[in-house]
Amino acid sequence: MDNKPVRFFLDSNVIISGLLSDRGAPRIILDLLCLHIPGLTGLTGEYNLTEIERNLARKLPQAIPVYHAYLPRLKLEVVPLPSPEEVKRHLGVIADKDVPVLVSALNSGVEFLVTGDLKDFGKVRTEGAFPFSIVTPAEFLECLGERLRGDA
């Protein structure tokens, strides 16, 4: 593996999917984070954590204790909420509900924004307008594998 650290931002849907399933790319990502591998840093936004709690409370309240027990094991760096001015500057780029996610990723200096939401992130993903790649969980694992093998 090259020595360049890998910093990646996890969208809410990836964390929820990884938490609720014992298989698949989102779960593998969360499991990797639990290993605390040097040079592999996961981040998410304060906005995302609020969104996760809101969604779990509405759809699956019995999972909230599991979420609270599991979250510290990930040792995610949490990006503060973006300012209203930052959010306003990016309105219209993506669905309004996802602007705080995009701005949080921008503010975090990550290499990847990992999301399963291609419906809303699909258009901006192909434009290359951001200093990070917008990838699905499976694509992220593929990129990480290439880095580990020295292909990238």
N, C-alpha and C. Protein backbone atom coordinates (compact mmCIF):
# COMPACT_ATOMS: atom_id res chain seq x y z
N MET A 1 0.85 -1.18 0.00
CA MET A 1 0.00 0.00 0.00
C MET A 1 0.88 1.23 0.00
N ASP A 2 0.54 2.22 -0.84
CA ASP A 2 1.32 3.44 -0.76
C ASP A 2 1.02 4.11 0.57
N ASN A 3 1.88 5.01 0.99
CA ASN A 3 1.77 5.59 2.32
C ASN A 3 0.80 6.75 2.41
N LYS A 4 0.14 7.08 1.31
CA LYS A 4 -0.81 8.18 1.34
C LYS A 4 -2.05 7.78 2.13
N PRO A 5 -2.38 8.54 3.17
CA PRO A 5 -3.58 8.22 3.96
C PRO A 5 -4.84 8.30 3.09
N VAL A 6 -5.82 7.50 3.44
CA VAL A 6 -7.11 7.51 2.75
C VAL A 6 -8.14 8.09 3.72
N ARG A 7 -8.65 9.25 3.35
CA ARG A 7 -9.69 9.92 4.13
C ARG A 7 -10.97 9.89 3.32
N PHE A 8 -12.04 9.41 3.93
CA PHE A 8 -13.30 9.28 3.19
C PHE A 8 -14.47 9.68 4.07
N PHE A 9 -15.45 10.28 3.43
CA PHE A 9 -16.64 10.79 4.10
C PHE A 9 -17.79 9.82 3.85
N LEU A 10 -18.44 9.38 4.93
CA LEU A 10 -19.55 8.45 4.80
C LEU A 10 -20.88 9.18 4.90
N ASP A 11 -21.70 8.99 3.87
CA ASP A 11 -23.06 9.51 3.89
C ASP A 11 -23.88 8.67 4.87
N SER A 12 -24.95 9.23 5.34
CA SER A 12 -25.82 8.57 6.33
C SER A 12 -26.27 7.20 5.87
N ASN A 13 -26.64 7.09 4.60
CA ASN A 13 -27.19 5.82 4.11
C ASN A 13 -26.17 4.69 4.19
N VAL A 14 -24.91 5.00 4.07
CA VAL A 14 -23.86 3.97 4.16
C VAL A 14 -23.75 3.47 5.60
N ILE A 15 -23.78 4.40 6.54
CA ILE A 15 -23.68 4.02 7.95
C ILE A 15 -24.90 3.19 8.36
N ILE A 16 -26.08 3.63 7.98
CA ILE A 16 -27.30 2.88 8.32
C ILE A 16 -27.27 1.49 7.68
N SER A 17 -26.94 1.42 6.40
CA SER A 17 -26.90 0.13 5.72
C SER A 17 -25.88 -0.81 6.36
N GLY A 18 -24.72 -0.29 6.69
CA GLY A 18 -23.69 -1.11 7.32
C GLY A 18 -24.08 -1.57 8.71
N LEU A 19 -24.81 -0.74 9.40
CA LEU A 19 -25.26 -1.08 10.75
C LEU A 19 -26.34 -2.17 10.72
N LEU A 20 -27.23 -2.09 9.74
CA LEU A 20 -28.38 -2.99 9.72
C LEU A 20 -28.14 -4.30 8.99
N SER A 21 -27.06 -4.41 8.24
CA SER A 21 -26.79 -5.63 7.49
C SER A 21 -25.48 -6.24 7.96
N ASP A 22 -25.40 -7.56 7.92
CA ASP A 22 -24.15 -8.20 8.31
C ASP A 22 -23.30 -8.55 7.10
N ARG A 23 -23.67 -8.03 5.93
CA ARG A 23 -22.89 -8.28 4.71
C ARG A 23 -23.02 -7.09 3.77
N GLY A 24 -22.25 -7.11 2.71
CA GLY A 24 -22.29 -6.04 1.72
C GLY A 24 -21.22 -5.00 1.97
N ALA A 25 -21.03 -4.17 0.96
CA ALA A 25 -19.96 -3.17 1.00
C ALA A 25 -20.08 -2.19 2.17
N PRO A 26 -21.28 -1.67 2.49
CA PRO A 26 -21.34 -0.75 3.63
C PRO A 26 -20.87 -1.41 4.93
N ARG A 27 -21.23 -2.68 5.14
CA ARG A 27 -20.81 -3.36 6.37
C ARG A 27 -19.29 -3.59 6.36
N ILE A 28 -18.74 -3.92 5.22
CA ILE A 28 -17.29 -4.13 5.13
C ILE A 28 -16.56 -2.84 5.49
N ILE A 29 -17.06 -1.72 5.00
CA ILE A 29 -16.43 -0.42 5.31
C ILE A 29 -16.46 -0.17 6.81
N LEU A 30 -17.61 -0.40 7.44
CA LEU A 30 -17.69 -0.18 8.89
C LEU A 30 -16.78 -1.15 9.64
N ASP A 31 -16.72 -2.40 9.18
CA ASP A 31 -15.82 -3.37 9.82
C ASP A 31 -14.36 -2.94 9.69
N LEU A 32 -13.98 -2.42 8.52
CA LEU A 32 -12.61 -1.92 8.34
C LEU A 32 -12.31 -0.78 9.31
N LEU A 33 -13.28 0.11 9.49
CA LEU A 33 -13.08 1.22 10.43
C LEU A 33 -12.90 0.71 11.85
N CYS A 34 -13.59 -0.34 12.20
CA CYS A 34 -13.45 -0.91 13.55
C CYS A 34 -12.07 -1.50 13.80
N LEU A 35 -11.33 -1.79 12.73
CA LEU A 35 -9.98 -2.32 12.87
C LEU A 35 -8.95 -1.24 13.17
N HIS A 36 -9.33 0.03 12.98
CA HIS A 36 -8.44 1.17 13.26
C HIS A 36 -7.11 1.04 12.52
N ILE A 37 -7.19 0.83 11.23
CA ILE A 37 -6.03 0.66 10.37
C ILE A 37 -5.34 2.02 10.20
N PRO A 38 -4.05 2.12 10.51
CA PRO A 38 -3.35 3.39 10.32
C PRO A 38 -3.47 3.87 8.88
N GLY A 39 -3.76 5.15 8.72
CA GLY A 39 -3.86 5.73 7.38
C GLY A 39 -5.24 5.62 6.75
N LEU A 40 -6.18 4.98 7.43
CA LEU A 40 -7.54 4.84 6.93
C LEU A 40 -8.47 5.59 7.89
N THR A 41 -8.99 6.73 7.43
CA THR A 41 -9.78 7.58 8.31
C THR A 41 -11.16 7.82 7.72
N GLY A 42 -12.17 7.44 8.49
CA GLY A 42 -13.55 7.69 8.10
C GLY A 42 -14.06 8.95 8.77
N LEU A 43 -14.83 9.71 8.02
CA LEU A 43 -15.44 10.93 8.54
C LEU A 43 -16.92 10.91 8.20
N THR A 44 -17.68 11.66 8.94
CA THR A 44 -19.07 11.92 8.60
C THR A 44 -19.40 13.29 9.17
N GLY A 45 -20.56 13.78 8.86
CA GLY A 45 -20.94 15.10 9.32
C GLY A 45 -21.88 15.06 10.51
N GLU A 46 -21.83 16.11 11.29
CA GLU A 46 -22.79 16.27 12.38
C GLU A 46 -24.21 16.20 11.82
N TYR A 47 -24.39 16.79 10.63
CA TYR A 47 -25.68 16.73 9.95
C TYR A 47 -26.08 15.28 9.68
N ASN A 48 -25.13 14.45 9.24
CA ASN A 48 -25.42 13.05 8.94
C ASN A 48 -25.82 12.29 10.20
N LEU A 49 -25.14 12.53 11.30
CA LEU A 49 -25.48 11.83 12.54
C LEU A 49 -26.89 12.19 12.99
N THR A 50 -27.26 13.44 12.85
CA THR A 50 -28.63 13.86 13.18
C THR A 50 -29.63 13.18 12.26
N GLU A 51 -29.29 13.10 10.98
CA GLU A 51 -30.16 12.45 10.00
C GLU A 51 -30.32 10.96 10.32
N ILE A 52 -29.24 10.30 10.71
CA ILE A 52 -29.30 8.88 11.07
C ILE A 52 -30.23 8.67 12.26
N GLU A 53 -30.06 9.48 13.29
CA GLU A 53 -30.90 9.34 14.49
C GLU A 53 -32.36 9.60 14.17
N ARG A 54 -32.63 10.59 13.35
CA ARG A 54 -34.01 10.90 12.97
C ARG A 54 -34.62 9.73 12.19
N ASN A 55 -33.88 9.18 11.24
CA ASN A 55 -34.39 8.07 10.43
C ASN A 55 -34.59 6.81 11.27
N LEU A 56 -33.65 6.52 12.14
CA LEU A 56 -33.81 5.35 13.00
C LEU A 56 -35.00 5.51 13.95
N ALA A 57 -35.15 6.69 14.53
CA ALA A 57 -36.27 6.93 15.45
C ALA A 57 -37.61 6.76 14.73
N ARG A 58 -37.66 7.17 13.48
CA ARG A 58 -38.91 7.10 12.72
C ARG A 58 -39.19 5.69 12.19
N LYS A 59 -38.15 5.01 11.71
CA LYS A 59 -38.35 3.75 11.01
C LYS A 59 -37.96 2.50 11.79
N LEU A 60 -37.00 2.64 12.70
CA LEU A 60 -36.46 1.46 13.37
C LEU A 60 -35.93 1.82 14.76
N PRO A 61 -36.81 2.28 15.64
CA PRO A 61 -36.36 2.75 16.96
C PRO A 61 -35.62 1.70 17.78
N GLN A 62 -35.91 0.42 17.55
CA GLN A 62 -35.22 -0.62 18.31
C GLN A 62 -33.73 -0.71 17.97
N ALA A 63 -33.31 -0.10 16.85
CA ALA A 63 -31.90 -0.12 16.45
C ALA A 63 -31.09 1.01 17.09
N ILE A 64 -31.73 1.95 17.72
CA ILE A 64 -31.00 3.11 18.28
C ILE A 64 -29.98 2.68 19.33
N PRO A 65 -30.29 1.79 20.27
CA PRO A 65 -29.25 1.38 21.23
C PRO A 65 -28.05 0.70 20.55
N VAL A 66 -28.31 -0.10 19.53
CA VAL A 66 -27.22 -0.75 18.80
C VAL A 66 -26.36 0.32 18.12
N TYR A 67 -27.00 1.29 17.51
CA TYR A 67 -26.30 2.39 16.85
C TYR A 67 -25.41 3.14 17.85
N HIS A 68 -25.96 3.46 19.01
CA HIS A 68 -25.19 4.20 20.02
C HIS A 68 -24.02 3.37 20.56
N ALA A 69 -24.18 2.07 20.63
CA ALA A 69 -23.10 1.21 21.11
C ALA A 69 -22.01 1.03 20.03
N TYR A 70 -22.44 0.99 18.78
CA TYR A 70 -21.53 0.70 17.67
C TYR A 70 -20.76 1.94 17.20
N LEU A 71 -21.40 3.08 17.21
CA LEU A 71 -20.81 4.31 16.66
C LEU A 71 -19.42 4.63 17.23
N PRO A 72 -19.20 4.55 18.54
CA PRO A 72 -17.85 4.88 19.05
C PRO A 72 -16.76 3.94 18.54
N ARG A 73 -17.10 2.71 18.20
CA ARG A 73 -16.12 1.76 17.69
C ARG A 73 -15.57 2.18 16.34
N LEU A 74 -16.34 2.98 15.59
CA LEU A 74 -15.92 3.43 14.26
C LEU A 74 -14.86 4.52 14.32
N LYS A 75 -14.83 5.25 15.42
CA LYS A 75 -13.91 6.38 15.59
C LYS A 75 -13.94 7.33 14.38
N LEU A 76 -15.15 7.65 13.95
CA LEU A 76 -15.32 8.59 12.85
C LEU A 76 -14.95 10.00 13.31
N GLU A 77 -14.28 10.73 12.45
CA GLU A 77 -14.11 12.16 12.69
C GLU A 77 -15.43 12.81 12.28
N VAL A 78 -15.94 13.68 13.12
CA VAL A 78 -17.23 14.31 12.84
C VAL A 78 -17.00 15.76 12.42
N VAL A 79 -17.49 16.06 11.22
CA VAL A 79 -17.36 17.41 10.65
C VAL A 79 -18.51 18.26 11.18
N PRO A 80 -18.21 19.45 11.72
CA PRO A 80 -19.28 20.31 12.24
C PRO A 80 -20.29 20.69 11.15
N LEU A 81 -21.46 21.09 11.60
CA LEU A 81 -22.48 21.57 10.68
C LEU A 81 -21.94 22.72 9.84
N PRO A 82 -22.23 22.71 8.54
CA PRO A 82 -21.80 23.85 7.72
C PRO A 82 -22.63 25.09 8.09
N SER A 83 -22.05 26.24 7.85
CA SER A 83 -22.76 27.47 8.14
C SER A 83 -23.89 27.67 7.13
N PRO A 84 -24.91 28.44 7.50
CA PRO A 84 -26.00 28.73 6.56
C PRO A 84 -25.48 29.37 5.26
N GLU A 85 -24.43 30.19 5.37
CA GLU A 85 -23.86 30.84 4.18
C GLU A 85 -23.24 29.80 3.24
N GLU A 86 -22.53 28.83 3.82
CA GLU A 86 -21.93 27.77 3.00
C GLU A 86 -23.00 26.95 2.30
N VAL A 87 -24.04 26.62 3.02
CA VAL A 87 -25.15 25.85 2.44
C VAL A 87 -25.80 26.65 1.32
N LYS A 88 -26.04 27.93 1.58
CA LYS A 88 -26.70 28.79 0.59
C LYS A 88 -25.90 28.87 -0.71
N ARG A 89 -24.57 28.92 -0.61
CA ARG A 89 -23.72 29.01 -1.80
C ARG A 89 -23.85 27.79 -2.71
N HIS A 90 -24.26 26.66 -2.16
CA HIS A 90 -24.32 25.43 -2.94
C HIS A 90 -25.74 24.97 -3.26
N LEU A 91 -26.73 25.77 -2.90
CA LEU A 91 -28.11 25.41 -3.23
C LEU A 91 -28.27 25.35 -4.75
N GLY A 92 -29.01 24.37 -5.21
CA GLY A 92 -29.22 24.20 -6.64
C GLY A 92 -28.24 23.25 -7.29
N VAL A 93 -27.15 22.93 -6.60
CA VAL A 93 -26.16 22.01 -7.14
C VAL A 93 -26.67 20.57 -7.03
N ILE A 94 -27.40 20.32 -5.97
CA ILE A 94 -27.90 18.99 -5.62
C ILE A 94 -29.20 19.20 -4.85
N ALA A 95 -29.95 18.15 -4.59
CA ALA A 95 -31.18 18.27 -3.81
C ALA A 95 -30.88 19.01 -2.50
N ASP A 96 -31.76 19.92 -2.13
CA ASP A 96 -31.53 20.75 -0.94
C ASP A 96 -31.18 19.94 0.30
N LYS A 97 -31.83 18.80 0.48
CA LYS A 97 -31.58 17.99 1.68
C LYS A 97 -30.15 17.44 1.72
N ASP A 98 -29.49 17.37 0.57
CA ASP A 98 -28.14 16.82 0.50
C ASP A 98 -27.05 17.88 0.47
N VAL A 99 -27.41 19.14 0.40
CA VAL A 99 -26.41 20.21 0.36
C VAL A 99 -25.54 20.20 1.61
N PRO A 100 -26.10 20.04 2.83
CA PRO A 100 -25.22 19.99 4.01
C PRO A 100 -24.24 18.82 3.98
N VAL A 101 -24.62 17.72 3.37
CA VAL A 101 -23.72 16.57 3.24
C VAL A 101 -22.57 16.94 2.31
N LEU A 102 -22.90 17.51 1.17
CA LEU A 102 -21.89 17.91 0.19
C LEU A 102 -20.93 18.94 0.78
N VAL A 103 -21.46 19.94 1.47
CA VAL A 103 -20.62 20.99 2.06
C VAL A 103 -19.75 20.41 3.18
N SER A 104 -20.31 19.52 3.98
CA SER A 104 -19.51 18.88 5.03
C SER A 104 -18.35 18.10 4.43
N ALA A 105 -18.61 17.38 3.34
CA ALA A 105 -17.53 16.65 2.66
C ALA A 105 -16.49 17.63 2.11
N LEU A 106 -16.94 18.72 1.53
CA LEU A 106 -16.01 19.75 1.03
C LEU A 106 -15.14 20.29 2.16
N ASN A 107 -15.74 20.53 3.30
CA ASN A 107 -15.02 21.11 4.44
C ASN A 107 -14.06 20.13 5.09
N SER A 108 -14.19 18.85 4.79
CA SER A 108 -13.42 17.84 5.50
C SER A 108 -12.10 17.47 4.83
N GLY A 109 -11.91 17.86 3.59
CA GLY A 109 -10.66 17.55 2.90
C GLY A 109 -10.49 16.07 2.60
N VAL A 110 -11.58 15.40 2.26
CA VAL A 110 -11.51 13.97 1.98
C VAL A 110 -11.19 13.70 0.52
N GLU A 111 -10.81 12.47 0.26
CA GLU A 111 -10.55 12.01 -1.10
C GLU A 111 -11.80 11.40 -1.74
N PHE A 112 -12.69 10.87 -0.88
CA PHE A 112 -13.90 10.20 -1.36
C PHE A 112 -15.11 10.62 -0.53
N LEU A 113 -16.23 10.80 -1.21
CA LEU A 113 -17.54 10.87 -0.57
C LEU A 113 -18.23 9.57 -0.93
N VAL A 114 -18.48 8.73 0.08
CA VAL A 114 -19.06 7.42 -0.15
C VAL A 114 -20.56 7.50 0.15
N THR A 115 -21.36 7.22 -0.87
CA THR A 115 -22.82 7.29 -0.73
C THR A 115 -23.49 6.21 -1.55
N GLY A 116 -24.61 5.77 -1.06
CA GLY A 116 -25.44 4.85 -1.83
C GLY A 116 -26.56 5.58 -2.55
N ASP A 117 -26.58 6.90 -2.43
CA ASP A 117 -27.64 7.73 -2.99
C ASP A 117 -27.25 8.26 -4.37
N LEU A 118 -27.30 7.40 -5.36
CA LEU A 118 -26.95 7.85 -6.71
C LEU A 118 -28.09 8.63 -7.36
N LYS A 119 -29.29 8.52 -6.82
CA LYS A 119 -30.40 9.30 -7.36
C LYS A 119 -30.10 10.80 -7.20
N ASP A 120 -29.67 11.19 -6.03
CA ASP A 120 -29.41 12.60 -5.79
C ASP A 120 -27.97 13.01 -6.08
N PHE A 121 -27.01 12.13 -5.89
CA PHE A 121 -25.61 12.48 -6.11
C PHE A 121 -25.12 12.11 -7.50
N GLY A 122 -25.93 11.39 -8.27
CA GLY A 122 -25.51 10.89 -9.57
C GLY A 122 -25.03 11.96 -10.54
N LYS A 123 -25.77 13.06 -10.65
CA LYS A 123 -25.40 14.11 -11.61
C LYS A 123 -24.08 14.77 -11.23
N VAL A 124 -23.94 15.18 -9.98
CA VAL A 124 -22.71 15.87 -9.57
C VAL A 124 -21.52 14.91 -9.53
N ARG A 125 -21.80 13.65 -9.42
CA ARG A 125 -20.75 12.64 -9.38
C ARG A 125 -19.97 12.59 -10.69
N THR A 126 -20.66 12.76 -11.80
CA THR A 126 -20.01 12.65 -13.10
C THR A 126 -19.42 13.97 -13.58
N GLU A 127 -19.77 15.06 -12.93
CA GLU A 127 -19.30 16.37 -13.37
C GLU A 127 -17.84 16.63 -12.98
N GLY A 128 -17.36 15.99 -11.93
CA GLY A 128 -15.98 16.20 -11.49
C GLY A 128 -15.73 17.60 -10.97
N ALA A 129 -16.75 18.23 -10.41
CA ALA A 129 -16.64 19.61 -9.95
C ALA A 129 -16.12 19.73 -8.53
N PHE A 130 -15.82 18.62 -7.88
CA PHE A 130 -15.41 18.66 -6.48
C PHE A 130 -14.03 18.04 -6.32
N PRO A 131 -13.34 18.39 -5.25
CA PRO A 131 -11.97 17.89 -5.06
C PRO A 131 -11.92 16.46 -4.51
N PHE A 132 -13.04 15.77 -4.57
CA PHE A 132 -13.10 14.38 -4.13
C PHE A 132 -13.95 13.60 -5.13
N SER A 133 -13.80 12.29 -5.10
CA SER A 133 -14.61 11.42 -5.94
C SER A 133 -15.86 11.03 -5.17
N ILE A 134 -17.00 11.04 -5.85
CA ILE A 134 -18.25 10.57 -5.26
C ILE A 134 -18.43 9.14 -5.75
N VAL A 135 -18.41 8.19 -4.80
CA VAL A 135 -18.40 6.78 -5.15
C VAL A 135 -19.42 6.01 -4.31
N THR A 136 -19.84 4.87 -4.84
CA THR A 136 -20.68 3.96 -4.07
C THR A 136 -19.78 3.20 -3.08
N PRO A 137 -20.38 2.55 -2.11
CA PRO A 137 -19.55 1.76 -1.19
C PRO A 137 -18.72 0.69 -1.92
N ALA A 138 -19.30 0.02 -2.89
CA ALA A 138 -18.55 -1.00 -3.64
C ALA A 138 -17.40 -0.38 -4.42
N GLU A 139 -17.63 0.77 -5.03
CA GLU A 139 -16.56 1.46 -5.78
C GLU A 139 -15.45 1.90 -4.84
N PHE A 140 -15.83 2.36 -3.65
CA PHE A 140 -14.81 2.77 -2.68
C PHE A 140 -13.92 1.58 -2.31
N LEU A 141 -14.55 0.43 -2.03
CA LEU A 141 -13.76 -0.75 -1.68
C LEU A 141 -12.85 -1.17 -2.83
N GLU A 142 -13.33 -1.02 -4.06
CA GLU A 142 -12.49 -1.33 -5.22
C GLU A 142 -11.27 -0.40 -5.27
N CYS A 143 -11.50 0.89 -5.08
CA CYS A 143 -10.40 1.87 -5.06
C CYS A 143 -9.42 1.57 -3.92
N LEU A 144 -9.96 1.23 -2.76
CA LEU A 144 -9.12 0.91 -1.62
C LEU A 144 -8.29 -0.35 -1.90
N GLY A 145 -8.90 -1.34 -2.51
CA GLY A 145 -8.18 -2.56 -2.89
C GLY A 145 -7.05 -2.26 -3.86
N GLU A 146 -7.32 -1.40 -4.84
CA GLU A 146 -6.27 -1.01 -5.79
C GLU A 146 -5.11 -0.34 -5.07
N ARG A 147 -5.44 0.53 -4.12
CA ARG A 147 -4.41 1.22 -3.35
C ARG A 147 -3.60 0.22 -2.54
N LEU A 148 -4.26 -0.74 -1.92
CA LEU A 148 -3.57 -1.74 -1.11
C LEU A 148 -2.64 -2.61 -1.95
N ARG A 149 -3.09 -2.91 -3.18
CA ARG A 149 -2.26 -3.72 -4.08
C ARG A 149 -1.18 -2.92 -4.77
N GLY A 150 -1.26 -1.60 -4.64
CA GLY A 150 -0.28 -0.74 -5.32
C GLY A 150 -0.64 -0.45 -6.75
N ASP A 151 -1.89 -0.73 -7.17
CA ASP A 151 -2.34 -0.47 -8.54
C ASP A 151 -2.64 1.00 -8.77
N ALA A 152 -2.90 1.74 -7.72
CA ALA A 152 -3.34 3.13 -7.89
C ALA A 152 -2.21 4.10 -7.60
